[in-house]
Protein backbone atom coordinates (compact mmCIF):
# COMPACT_ATOMS: atom_id res chain seq x y z
CA UNK A 1 -10.00 7.51 -19.47
CA UNK A 2 -8.08 4.81 -21.31
CA UNK A 3 -9.33 1.72 -23.12
CA UNK A 4 -7.99 -1.75 -22.32
CA UNK A 5 -8.93 -5.16 -23.70
CA UNK A 6 -9.76 -8.02 -21.36
CA UNK A 7 -10.49 -11.41 -22.95
CA UNK A 8 -11.15 -9.64 -26.25
CA UNK A 9 -13.74 -7.32 -24.68
CA UNK A 10 -13.13 -3.55 -24.51
CA UNK A 11 -13.25 -1.80 -21.14
CA UNK A 12 -12.82 1.86 -20.30
CA UNK A 13 -10.34 2.36 -17.46
CA UNK A 14 -11.29 5.39 -15.35
CA UNK A 15 -9.50 6.88 -12.37
CA UNK A 16 -9.70 9.74 -9.97
CA UNK A 17 -6.48 10.83 -8.31
CA UNK A 18 -6.09 13.51 -5.71
CA UNK A 19 -5.87 14.53 -2.10
CA UNK A 20 -8.29 13.22 0.51
CA UNK A 21 -10.36 16.14 1.84
CA UNK A 22 -12.54 14.13 4.21
CA UNK A 23 -13.62 10.63 5.17
CA UNK A 24 -16.50 8.88 6.84
CA UNK A 25 -16.55 5.23 7.88
CA UNK A 26 -19.60 3.34 9.12
CA UNK A 27 -20.01 -0.29 10.10
CA UNK A 28 -23.27 -2.13 9.57
CA UNK A 29 -23.98 -5.46 11.24
CA UNK A 30 -26.45 -7.74 9.49
CA UNK A 31 -27.92 -10.53 11.61
CA UNK A 32 -29.27 -13.66 9.95
CA UNK A 33 -31.19 -16.38 11.72
CA UNK A 34 -33.30 -19.42 11.08
CA UNK A 35 -34.35 -22.77 12.36
CA UNK A 36 -36.26 -23.49 15.50
CA UNK A 37 -39.69 -25.02 15.47
CA UNK A 38 -40.44 -28.70 15.74
CA UNK A 39 -43.32 -30.67 17.17
CA UNK A 40 -44.50 -32.53 20.21
CA UNK A 41 -46.91 -35.41 20.36
CA UNK A 42 -47.83 -37.58 23.28
CA UNK A 43 -45.15 -36.12 25.50
CA UNK A 44 -42.30 -36.58 23.03
CA UNK A 45 -41.01 -34.75 19.97
CA UNK A 46 -38.11 -32.61 18.90
CA UNK A 47 -37.02 -29.04 18.45
CA UNK A 48 -34.90 -27.90 15.51
CA UNK A 49 -31.76 -25.96 16.47
CA UNK A 50 -31.67 -22.21 15.96
CA UNK A 51 -28.84 -20.85 13.80
CA UNK A 52 -27.82 -17.22 14.12
CA UNK A 53 -24.97 -15.56 12.28
CA UNK A 54 -23.90 -12.02 11.55
CA UNK A 55 -21.83 -10.22 8.96
CA UNK A 56 -20.29 -6.78 9.21
CA UNK A 57 -20.32 -4.45 6.20
CA UNK A 58 -17.89 -1.53 6.08
CA UNK A 59 -19.08 1.63 4.35
CA UNK A 60 -16.40 4.16 3.40
CA UNK A 61 -17.20 7.58 2.00
CA UNK A 62 -14.08 9.41 0.88
CA UNK A 63 -13.91 12.90 -0.61
CA UNK A 64 -11.01 13.43 -3.01
CA UNK A 65 -9.98 16.73 -4.59
CA UNK A 66 -8.22 16.26 -7.94
CA UNK A 67 -5.47 18.45 -9.44
CA UNK A 68 -8.08 20.68 -11.15
CA UNK A 69 -9.77 21.37 -7.80
CA UNK A 70 -12.86 19.23 -8.49
CA UNK A 71 -14.20 17.23 -5.56
CA UNK A 72 -15.20 13.59 -6.00
CA UNK A 73 -17.16 11.42 -3.56
CA UNK A 74 -16.12 7.77 -3.43
CA UNK A 75 -18.78 5.53 -1.90
CA UNK A 76 -17.24 2.15 -1.18
CA UNK A 77 -18.66 -0.97 0.41
CA UNK A 78 -16.41 -3.56 2.09
CA UNK A 79 -13.16 -1.92 1.02
CA UNK A 80 -12.14 -0.73 4.50
CA UNK A 81 -9.73 1.87 3.13
CA UNK A 82 -7.22 3.31 5.56
CA UNK A 83 -6.88 7.02 4.84
CA UNK A 84 -7.22 10.46 6.37
CA UNK A 85 -7.23 14.06 5.22
CA UNK A 86 -4.15 15.00 3.22
CA UNK A 87 -3.39 11.50 1.91
CA UNK A 88 -2.81 11.01 -1.83
CA UNK A 89 -5.42 8.54 -3.13
CA UNK A 90 -6.17 6.96 -6.51
CA UNK A 91 -9.41 5.11 -7.21
CA UNK A 92 -9.74 3.05 -10.40
CA UNK A 93 -12.89 1.57 -11.95
CA UNK A 94 -13.72 -0.34 -15.13
CA UNK A 95 -16.69 0.26 -17.42
CA UNK A 96 -17.48 -2.23 -20.17
CA UNK A 97 -17.94 -0.46 -23.50
CA UNK A 98 -21.61 0.36 -23.99
CA UNK A 99 -22.37 0.50 -20.26
CA UNK A 100 -22.77 3.57 -18.05
CA UNK A 101 -21.03 2.39 -14.89
CA UNK A 102 -18.74 -0.25 -13.53
CA UNK A 103 -17.11 -1.44 -10.33
CA UNK A 104 -14.18 0.07 -8.50
CA UNK A 105 -11.32 -2.38 -8.96
CA UNK A 106 -8.34 -0.72 -7.23
CA UNK A 107 -7.75 1.87 -4.52
CA UNK A 108 -4.20 3.11 -3.93
CA UNK A 109 -3.16 5.22 -0.97
CA UNK A 110 0.27 6.47 -2.05
CA UNK A 111 0.90 8.22 1.27
CA UNK A 112 0.97 4.96 3.22
CA UNK A 113 1.97 2.82 0.21
CA UNK A 114 -1.12 0.59 0.36
CA UNK A 115 -3.07 -0.80 -2.59
CA UNK A 116 -6.32 -2.74 -2.35
CA UNK A 117 -8.06 -4.62 -5.17
CA UNK A 118 -11.56 -5.98 -5.63
CA UNK A 119 -10.51 -9.52 -6.51
CA UNK A 120 -14.08 -10.67 -7.19
CA UNK A 121 -14.74 -7.89 -9.70
CA UNK A 122 -11.40 -8.41 -11.46
CA UNK A 123 -11.95 -12.17 -11.74
CA UNK A 124 -15.47 -11.60 -13.06
CA UNK A 125 -14.33 -9.37 -15.95
CA UNK A 126 -11.75 -12.00 -16.92
CA UNK A 127 -14.14 -14.95 -17.02
CA UNK A 128 -14.92 -16.01 -20.59
CA UNK A 129 -18.57 -16.50 -21.49
CA UNK A 130 -18.20 -19.42 -23.90
CA UNK A 131 -17.81 -22.14 -21.20
CA UNK A 132 -21.39 -21.39 -20.16
CA UNK A 133 -22.50 -23.12 -23.37
CA UNK A 134 -21.66 -26.37 -21.57
CA UNK A 135 -24.78 -25.82 -19.44
CA UNK A 136 -26.74 -27.19 -22.41
CA UNK A 137 -24.82 -30.50 -22.29
CA UNK A 138 -27.17 -32.27 -19.86
CA UNK A 139 -30.12 -31.63 -22.15
CA UNK A 140 -28.26 -32.59 -25.32
CA UNK A 141 -26.66 -35.70 -23.77
CA UNK A 142 -29.76 -36.76 -21.80
CA UNK A 143 -28.30 -36.08 -18.34
CA UNK A 144 -25.54 -38.64 -18.74
CA UNK A 145 -22.51 -38.76 -16.49
CA UNK A 146 -20.47 -37.28 -19.32
CA UNK A 147 -22.79 -34.27 -19.56
CA UNK A 148 -22.42 -33.51 -15.85
CA UNK A 149 -18.65 -33.90 -16.12
CA UNK A 150 -18.61 -31.43 -19.03
CA UNK A 151 -20.58 -28.87 -17.02
CA UNK A 152 -18.30 -29.18 -14.00
CA UNK A 153 -15.16 -29.01 -16.15
CA UNK A 154 -16.40 -25.91 -18.01
CA UNK A 155 -17.31 -24.08 -14.80
CA UNK A 156 -13.99 -24.95 -13.15
CA UNK A 157 -12.16 -23.79 -16.31
CA UNK A 158 -14.11 -20.51 -16.31
CA UNK A 159 -13.27 -19.93 -12.62
CA UNK A 160 -9.58 -20.75 -13.21
CA UNK A 161 -9.27 -18.43 -16.22
CA UNK A 162 -10.92 -15.59 -14.27
CA UNK A 163 -8.58 -15.96 -11.30
CA UNK A 164 -5.49 -16.30 -13.50
CA UNK A 165 -6.47 -13.22 -15.50
CA UNK A 166 -7.15 -11.25 -12.33
CA UNK A 167 -3.71 -12.06 -10.96
CA UNK A 168 -2.01 -11.20 -14.27
CA UNK A 169 -3.82 -7.86 -14.49
CA UNK A 170 -2.82 -6.94 -10.93
CA UNK A 171 0.81 -7.93 -11.56
CA UNK A 172 0.97 -5.98 -14.86
CA UNK A 173 0.47 -2.63 -13.14
CA UNK A 174 -1.84 -1.44 -15.95
CA UNK A 175 -4.63 -0.56 -13.50
CA UNK A 176 -2.53 2.00 -11.65
CA UNK A 177 -0.47 3.26 -14.59
CA UNK A 178 -0.97 6.98 -15.24
CA UNK A 179 -4.17 7.62 -17.16
């Protein structure tokens, strides 16, 4: 475990590194639908269209044995990690100080030289909280055009800073540096 600072907030950087002892991959398809219905009256009417969509969720369970011989189970959702027994794998996660758990943010398969990142999680930890204060602007400025502009500008700024920080952290190599 190593501590790093992100936007002035302390995070514990944890990692497990070792040899893959076993893997299991499952795909789950979630179907979503809605619409339909309508009415008829006097021989005329309408029917609303039906909308159906599906999403596929990948579940990876990877067992890694570290250098001390301890076995670790990695349970990942939507990572779609390519690995098999014998591959050298590193999994990295961040825990904000004072919390008990945090998200996986990087998975590196050194055997096939492939690294995957959770871009959403990395952007989220980089987003500053202070721009959210702009959400009070509509109330303070009586829902004027300026207040709505301030809210939009603050949220866009927060999104931009998160994405820029995410990219800088990935490029720095600090996530996969030896712990």
